[in-house]
Amino acid sequence: MPKMKTKSGAKKRFKISATGKVMYAQSGKRHGMIKRTNKQIRDHRGTTAMFETDGYNVKRYFLPNG
């Protein structure tokens, strides 16, 4: 059988934590900061863990070797 390849877009967007959760960067921080409140900018800082069902699908279909 051929090997399953990791989707190249997914490997740039997701990381798998040591406990197996899928981590992703929160959206809304690329441009247009002037129209966002300071609270929104603070809350979208850093990475966050995906919900379990979404993370399961990412690991299964996009990051099979992750």
Protein backbone atom coordinates (compact mmCIF):
# COMPACT_ATOMS: atom_id res chain seq x y z
CA MET A 1 0.00 0.00 0.00
CA PRO A 2 1.21 3.54 -0.63
CA LYS A 3 1.96 5.74 2.32
CA MET A 4 -0.54 8.40 3.41
CA LYS A 5 0.80 11.89 2.92
CA THR A 6 0.25 14.75 5.36
CA LYS A 7 -1.69 17.65 3.83
CA SER A 8 0.84 20.45 3.41
CA GLY A 9 -1.68 23.14 4.35
CA ALA A 10 -2.55 21.35 7.58
CA LYS A 11 1.02 20.96 8.74
CA LYS A 12 1.43 24.74 8.57
CA ARG A 13 -1.77 25.42 10.53
CA PHE A 14 -1.97 22.72 13.22
CA LYS A 15 0.30 21.21 15.86
CA ILE A 16 -0.39 18.17 18.01
CA SER A 17 0.26 18.63 21.74
CA ALA A 18 1.93 16.08 23.97
CA THR A 19 -1.47 14.88 25.20
CA GLY A 20 -2.74 14.43 21.64
CA LYS A 21 -4.86 17.55 21.31
CA VAL A 22 -4.81 19.54 18.09
CA MET A 23 -3.61 23.11 18.66
CA TYR A 24 -4.32 25.98 16.27
CA ALA A 25 -3.75 29.74 16.09
CA GLN A 26 -6.89 31.78 16.60
CA SER A 27 -8.23 33.81 13.71
CA GLY A 28 -8.75 37.53 13.45
CA LYS A 29 -5.22 38.79 14.10
CA ARG A 30 -3.83 39.41 10.59
CA HIS A 31 -5.17 42.86 9.78
CA GLY A 32 -7.89 45.34 10.75
CA MET A 33 -6.78 45.64 14.37
CA ILE A 34 -8.10 49.18 14.60
CA LYS A 35 -11.71 48.02 14.39
CA ARG A 36 -11.28 45.28 17.02
CA THR A 37 -11.62 45.95 20.72
CA ASN A 38 -8.61 45.50 22.98
CA LYS A 39 -10.44 42.60 24.65
CA GLN A 40 -10.79 40.81 21.31
CA ILE A 41 -7.11 41.31 20.53
CA ARG A 42 -6.13 39.97 23.97
CA ASP A 43 -8.45 36.98 23.78
CA HIS A 44 -7.16 35.86 20.37
CA ARG A 45 -3.52 35.83 21.48
CA GLY A 46 -1.61 32.55 21.30
CA THR A 47 -2.91 29.12 20.42
CA THR A 48 -5.90 27.13 21.62
CA ALA A 49 -6.99 23.50 21.57
CA MET A 50 -9.57 22.30 19.09
CA PHE A 51 -12.76 20.58 20.17
CA GLU A 52 -12.27 16.82 20.37
CA THR A 53 -14.43 15.88 17.39
CA ASP A 54 -12.86 18.48 15.11
CA GLY A 55 -9.38 17.51 16.28
CA TYR A 56 -10.15 13.86 15.62
CA ASN A 57 -11.05 14.64 12.01
CA VAL A 58 -7.92 16.78 11.51
CA LYS A 59 -5.68 14.01 12.87
CA ARG A 60 -7.43 11.33 10.85
CA TYR A 61 -7.65 13.00 7.45
CA PHE A 62 -5.02 15.73 7.37
CA LEU A 63 -2.25 14.73 9.81
CA PRO A 64 -2.12 10.94 9.63
CA ASN A 65 1.53 10.84 10.74
CA GLY A 66 1.21 13.53 13.40
